[in-house]
Amino acid sequence: MTGPIDTDEFCCASLDLSQTKWVCAFSAPLSRSPSVQSFAGGSTEQLVGWLAKQRQRSEVFLGRPLKIVLCYESGYDGFWLARLLRLGWRRHPMRAAR
């Protein structure tokens, strides 16, 4: 078991995945509200590029390196997306509520 996580070093991103549309919300430390962007379902290059841009902007604003924590439902696209996003981010697939 690990100790507490210093959340000041993390940006949080959340994905809503469907076959036709992905919606991503991104929040950096000290931000008042998340940035939200929609992508066509399966647009991994656009998603990764947007997340990298958001992180870079946040790092410049805060003057320090940041990591991204990404959570999403482990449904239709979630399983292969987890394999694709092995970029050093912590991945937290979420189970759908029943």
N, C-alpha and C. Protein backbone atom coordinates (compact mmCIF):
# COMPACT_ATOMS: atom_id res chain seq x y z
N MET A 1 0.84 -1.19 0.00
CA MET A 1 0.00 0.00 0.00
C MET A 1 0.88 1.24 0.00
N THR A 2 0.49 2.22 -0.78
CA THR A 2 1.26 3.45 -0.86
C THR A 2 0.64 4.51 0.02
N GLY A 3 1.42 5.55 0.27
CA GLY A 3 0.95 6.66 1.09
C GLY A 3 0.09 7.61 0.30
N PRO A 4 -0.23 8.76 0.90
CA PRO A 4 -1.07 9.76 0.24
C PRO A 4 -0.41 10.28 -1.04
N ILE A 5 -1.23 10.67 -1.97
CA ILE A 5 -0.75 11.22 -3.24
C ILE A 5 -0.81 12.74 -3.15
N ASP A 6 0.27 13.40 -3.54
CA ASP A 6 0.31 14.85 -3.59
C ASP A 6 -0.43 15.30 -4.85
N THR A 7 -1.64 15.76 -4.70
CA THR A 7 -2.47 16.10 -5.86
C THR A 7 -2.01 17.37 -6.56
N ASP A 8 -1.10 18.12 -5.97
CA ASP A 8 -0.59 19.33 -6.63
C ASP A 8 0.27 19.02 -7.84
N GLU A 9 0.68 17.77 -7.99
CA GLU A 9 1.52 17.42 -9.14
C GLU A 9 0.72 16.74 -10.26
N PHE A 10 -0.61 16.67 -10.11
CA PHE A 10 -1.44 15.96 -11.09
C PHE A 10 -2.49 16.85 -11.73
N CYS A 11 -2.65 16.65 -13.03
CA CYS A 11 -3.82 17.14 -13.75
C CYS A 11 -4.78 15.95 -13.82
N CYS A 12 -6.05 16.22 -13.74
CA CYS A 12 -7.05 15.14 -13.80
C CYS A 12 -7.84 15.26 -15.10
N ALA A 13 -7.99 14.14 -15.77
CA ALA A 13 -8.77 14.10 -17.00
C ALA A 13 -9.76 12.95 -16.90
N SER A 14 -10.94 13.17 -17.41
CA SER A 14 -11.99 12.17 -17.39
C SER A 14 -12.59 12.05 -18.79
N LEU A 15 -12.78 10.82 -19.23
CA LEU A 15 -13.31 10.56 -20.56
C LEU A 15 -14.69 9.92 -20.48
N ASP A 16 -15.60 10.39 -21.31
CA ASP A 16 -16.89 9.72 -21.52
C ASP A 16 -16.79 9.14 -22.93
N LEU A 17 -16.79 7.83 -23.02
CA LEU A 17 -16.56 7.14 -24.29
C LEU A 17 -17.84 6.55 -24.86
N SER A 18 -18.12 6.83 -26.11
CA SER A 18 -19.17 6.11 -26.84
C SER A 18 -18.59 5.76 -28.21
N GLN A 19 -19.30 5.00 -28.97
CA GLN A 19 -18.79 4.59 -30.28
C GLN A 19 -18.66 5.78 -31.23
N THR A 20 -19.52 6.76 -31.10
CA THR A 20 -19.51 7.88 -32.04
C THR A 20 -18.83 9.14 -31.51
N LYS A 21 -18.74 9.29 -30.18
CA LYS A 21 -18.23 10.54 -29.62
C LYS A 21 -17.49 10.28 -28.31
N TRP A 22 -16.35 10.94 -28.13
CA TRP A 22 -15.63 10.95 -26.87
C TRP A 22 -15.65 12.37 -26.34
N VAL A 23 -15.91 12.53 -25.05
CA VAL A 23 -15.87 13.84 -24.41
C VAL A 23 -14.83 13.75 -23.29
N CYS A 24 -13.91 14.71 -23.28
CA CYS A 24 -12.85 14.72 -22.27
C CYS A 24 -12.91 16.02 -21.48
N ALA A 25 -12.85 15.90 -20.17
CA ALA A 25 -12.75 17.05 -19.27
C ALA A 25 -11.37 17.02 -18.64
N PHE A 26 -10.70 18.16 -18.58
CA PHE A 26 -9.33 18.26 -18.08
C PHE A 26 -9.28 19.36 -17.03
N SER A 27 -8.68 19.04 -15.89
CA SER A 27 -8.56 20.02 -14.82
C SER A 27 -7.13 19.98 -14.25
N ALA A 28 -6.53 21.14 -14.16
CA ALA A 28 -5.18 21.27 -13.60
C ALA A 28 -5.26 21.79 -12.17
N PRO A 29 -4.19 21.60 -11.38
CA PRO A 29 -4.18 22.17 -10.04
C PRO A 29 -4.44 23.68 -10.08
N LEU A 30 -5.22 24.15 -9.15
CA LEU A 30 -5.59 25.57 -9.01
C LEU A 30 -6.54 26.08 -10.07
N SER A 31 -7.02 25.23 -10.99
CA SER A 31 -7.97 25.70 -11.99
C SER A 31 -9.36 25.79 -11.37
N ARG A 32 -10.13 26.74 -11.85
CA ARG A 32 -11.48 26.94 -11.31
C ARG A 32 -12.51 26.03 -11.95
N SER A 33 -12.32 25.74 -13.22
CA SER A 33 -13.26 24.86 -13.92
C SER A 33 -12.50 24.06 -14.97
N PRO A 34 -13.01 22.88 -15.31
CA PRO A 34 -12.31 22.04 -16.29
C PRO A 34 -12.49 22.56 -17.72
N SER A 35 -11.53 22.23 -18.56
CA SER A 35 -11.66 22.44 -20.00
C SER A 35 -12.32 21.18 -20.54
N VAL A 36 -13.26 21.34 -21.45
CA VAL A 36 -13.99 20.20 -22.01
C VAL A 36 -13.85 20.23 -23.53
N GLN A 37 -13.57 19.06 -24.09
CA GLN A 37 -13.40 18.95 -25.54
C GLN A 37 -14.07 17.67 -26.03
N SER A 38 -14.71 17.72 -27.18
CA SER A 38 -15.32 16.54 -27.80
C SER A 38 -14.49 16.10 -28.99
N PHE A 39 -14.48 14.79 -29.20
CA PHE A 39 -13.76 14.18 -30.32
C PHE A 39 -14.66 13.12 -30.94
N ALA A 40 -14.43 12.83 -32.20
CA ALA A 40 -15.11 11.69 -32.82
C ALA A 40 -14.61 10.43 -32.13
N GLY A 41 -15.48 9.44 -31.93
CA GLY A 41 -15.08 8.19 -31.30
C GLY A 41 -13.89 7.57 -31.99
N GLY A 42 -12.89 7.17 -31.23
CA GLY A 42 -11.70 6.55 -31.79
C GLY A 42 -10.61 7.52 -32.22
N SER A 43 -10.79 8.81 -31.98
CA SER A 43 -9.81 9.83 -32.41
C SER A 43 -8.65 9.91 -31.41
N THR A 44 -7.87 8.87 -31.33
CA THR A 44 -6.82 8.80 -30.32
C THR A 44 -5.73 9.86 -30.52
N GLU A 45 -5.33 10.12 -31.77
CA GLU A 45 -4.29 11.12 -32.00
C GLU A 45 -4.74 12.50 -31.54
N GLN A 46 -5.98 12.85 -31.83
CA GLN A 46 -6.51 14.14 -31.39
C GLN A 46 -6.60 14.20 -29.87
N LEU A 47 -7.06 13.13 -29.25
CA LEU A 47 -7.16 13.09 -27.80
C LEU A 47 -5.80 13.26 -27.14
N VAL A 48 -4.82 12.46 -27.55
CA VAL A 48 -3.49 12.52 -26.96
C VAL A 48 -2.86 13.90 -27.19
N GLY A 49 -3.03 14.45 -28.38
CA GLY A 49 -2.50 15.78 -28.68
C GLY A 49 -3.13 16.85 -27.81
N TRP A 50 -4.45 16.79 -27.64
CA TRP A 50 -5.15 17.78 -26.82
C TRP A 50 -4.72 17.67 -25.36
N LEU A 51 -4.63 16.44 -24.83
CA LEU A 51 -4.19 16.27 -23.45
C LEU A 51 -2.77 16.79 -23.25
N ALA A 52 -1.88 16.52 -24.20
CA ALA A 52 -0.51 17.00 -24.09
C ALA A 52 -0.46 18.53 -24.10
N LYS A 53 -1.29 19.14 -24.96
CA LYS A 53 -1.34 20.60 -25.03
C LYS A 53 -1.88 21.19 -23.72
N GLN A 54 -2.92 20.59 -23.17
CA GLN A 54 -3.49 21.07 -21.91
C GLN A 54 -2.47 20.96 -20.78
N ARG A 55 -1.75 19.84 -20.74
CA ARG A 55 -0.74 19.67 -19.69
C ARG A 55 0.38 20.70 -19.86
N GLN A 56 0.84 20.89 -21.09
CA GLN A 56 1.92 21.85 -21.33
C GLN A 56 1.51 23.26 -20.91
N ARG A 57 0.31 23.67 -21.25
CA ARG A 57 -0.19 24.99 -20.86
C ARG A 57 -0.23 25.12 -19.34
N SER A 58 -0.66 24.06 -18.66
CA SER A 58 -0.73 24.08 -17.21
C SER A 58 0.66 24.13 -16.59
N GLU A 59 1.60 23.41 -17.18
CA GLU A 59 2.98 23.42 -16.66
C GLU A 59 3.60 24.81 -16.80
N VAL A 60 3.36 25.47 -17.92
CA VAL A 60 3.88 26.83 -18.11
C VAL A 60 3.25 27.77 -17.09
N PHE A 61 1.94 27.67 -16.90
CA PHE A 61 1.23 28.55 -15.96
C PHE A 61 1.72 28.33 -14.53
N LEU A 62 1.90 27.07 -14.13
CA LEU A 62 2.29 26.76 -12.75
C LEU A 62 3.81 26.75 -12.54
N GLY A 63 4.56 26.66 -13.63
CA GLY A 63 6.02 26.68 -13.52
C GLY A 63 6.62 25.41 -12.96
N ARG A 64 5.97 24.29 -13.19
CA ARG A 64 6.49 23.01 -12.71
C ARG A 64 5.93 21.87 -13.56
N PRO A 65 6.63 20.73 -13.58
CA PRO A 65 6.13 19.58 -14.35
C PRO A 65 4.90 18.98 -13.69
N LEU A 66 4.01 18.45 -14.50
CA LEU A 66 2.78 17.83 -14.02
C LEU A 66 2.59 16.47 -14.67
N LYS A 67 1.86 15.61 -13.99
CA LYS A 67 1.47 14.32 -14.53
C LYS A 67 -0.04 14.35 -14.78
N ILE A 68 -0.52 13.42 -15.59
CA ILE A 68 -1.95 13.34 -15.87
C ILE A 68 -2.50 12.05 -15.30
N VAL A 69 -3.60 12.15 -14.57
CA VAL A 69 -4.37 11.00 -14.13
C VAL A 69 -5.61 10.97 -15.01
N LEU A 70 -5.83 9.85 -15.68
CA LEU A 70 -6.93 9.73 -16.64
C LEU A 70 -7.87 8.64 -16.19
N CYS A 71 -9.14 8.95 -16.07
CA CYS A 71 -10.12 7.92 -15.71
C CYS A 71 -11.18 7.84 -16.80
N TYR A 72 -11.72 6.65 -16.96
CA TYR A 72 -12.73 6.41 -17.98
C TYR A 72 -13.38 5.07 -17.70
N GLU A 73 -14.52 4.87 -18.32
CA GLU A 73 -15.26 3.62 -18.17
C GLU A 73 -14.58 2.52 -18.97
N SER A 74 -14.47 1.35 -18.38
CA SER A 74 -13.82 0.24 -19.10
C SER A 74 -14.84 -0.50 -19.96
N GLY A 75 -15.39 0.22 -20.91
CA GLY A 75 -16.41 -0.36 -21.78
C GLY A 75 -15.88 -0.58 -23.18
N TYR A 76 -16.67 -0.20 -24.16
CA TYR A 76 -16.39 -0.48 -25.58
C TYR A 76 -14.96 -0.11 -25.98
N ASP A 77 -14.55 1.12 -25.77
CA ASP A 77 -13.22 1.57 -26.18
C ASP A 77 -12.20 1.52 -25.05
N GLY A 78 -12.65 1.38 -23.83
CA GLY A 78 -11.76 1.47 -22.68
C GLY A 78 -10.64 0.46 -22.64
N PHE A 79 -10.89 -0.77 -23.08
CA PHE A 79 -9.87 -1.80 -22.97
C PHE A 79 -8.69 -1.55 -23.91
N TRP A 80 -8.96 -1.25 -25.18
CA TRP A 80 -7.84 -1.01 -26.08
C TRP A 80 -7.22 0.36 -25.85
N LEU A 81 -8.00 1.32 -25.36
CA LEU A 81 -7.47 2.64 -25.06
C LEU A 81 -6.43 2.57 -23.94
N ALA A 82 -6.65 1.71 -22.96
CA ALA A 82 -5.68 1.54 -21.87
C ALA A 82 -4.34 1.08 -22.41
N ARG A 83 -4.35 0.19 -23.38
CA ARG A 83 -3.10 -0.28 -23.98
C ARG A 83 -2.40 0.83 -24.77
N LEU A 84 -3.19 1.64 -25.44
CA LEU A 84 -2.63 2.71 -26.25
C LEU A 84 -1.99 3.81 -25.40
N LEU A 85 -2.59 4.11 -24.27
CA LEU A 85 -2.15 5.25 -23.46
C LEU A 85 -1.05 4.90 -22.46
N ARG A 86 -0.16 4.07 -22.82
CA ARG A 86 0.98 3.73 -21.95
C ARG A 86 2.06 4.79 -22.13
N LEU A 87 1.72 6.01 -21.71
CA LEU A 87 2.62 7.16 -21.87
C LEU A 87 3.12 7.66 -20.52
N GLY A 88 3.11 6.81 -19.52
CA GLY A 88 3.55 7.24 -18.21
C GLY A 88 2.45 7.84 -17.36
N TRP A 89 1.22 7.83 -17.86
CA TRP A 89 0.11 8.35 -17.06
C TRP A 89 -0.45 7.24 -16.21
N ARG A 90 -1.03 7.58 -15.08
CA ARG A 90 -1.77 6.60 -14.30
C ARG A 90 -3.13 6.46 -14.94
N ARG A 91 -3.53 5.24 -15.15
CA ARG A 91 -4.82 4.97 -15.79
C ARG A 91 -5.75 4.36 -14.75
N HIS A 92 -6.97 4.84 -14.69
CA HIS A 92 -7.94 4.34 -13.73
C HIS A 92 -9.25 4.01 -14.42
N PRO A 93 -9.34 2.85 -15.09
CA PRO A 93 -10.63 2.47 -15.69
C PRO A 93 -11.69 2.35 -14.59
N MET A 94 -12.86 2.85 -14.84
CA MET A 94 -13.94 2.78 -13.87
C MET A 94 -14.98 1.78 -14.33
N ARG A 95 -15.52 1.03 -13.41
CA ARG A 95 -16.60 0.10 -13.75
C ARG A 95 -17.91 0.87 -13.79
N ALA A 96 -18.75 0.51 -14.74
CA ALA A 96 -20.05 1.16 -14.87
C ALA A 96 -20.90 0.85 -13.65
N ALA A 97 -21.66 1.85 -13.20
CA ALA A 97 -22.56 1.65 -12.06
C ALA A 97 -23.70 0.74 -12.49
N ARG A 98 -24.12 -0.11 -11.61
CA ARG A 98 -25.21 -1.04 -11.91
C ARG A 98 -26.45 -0.65 -11.14
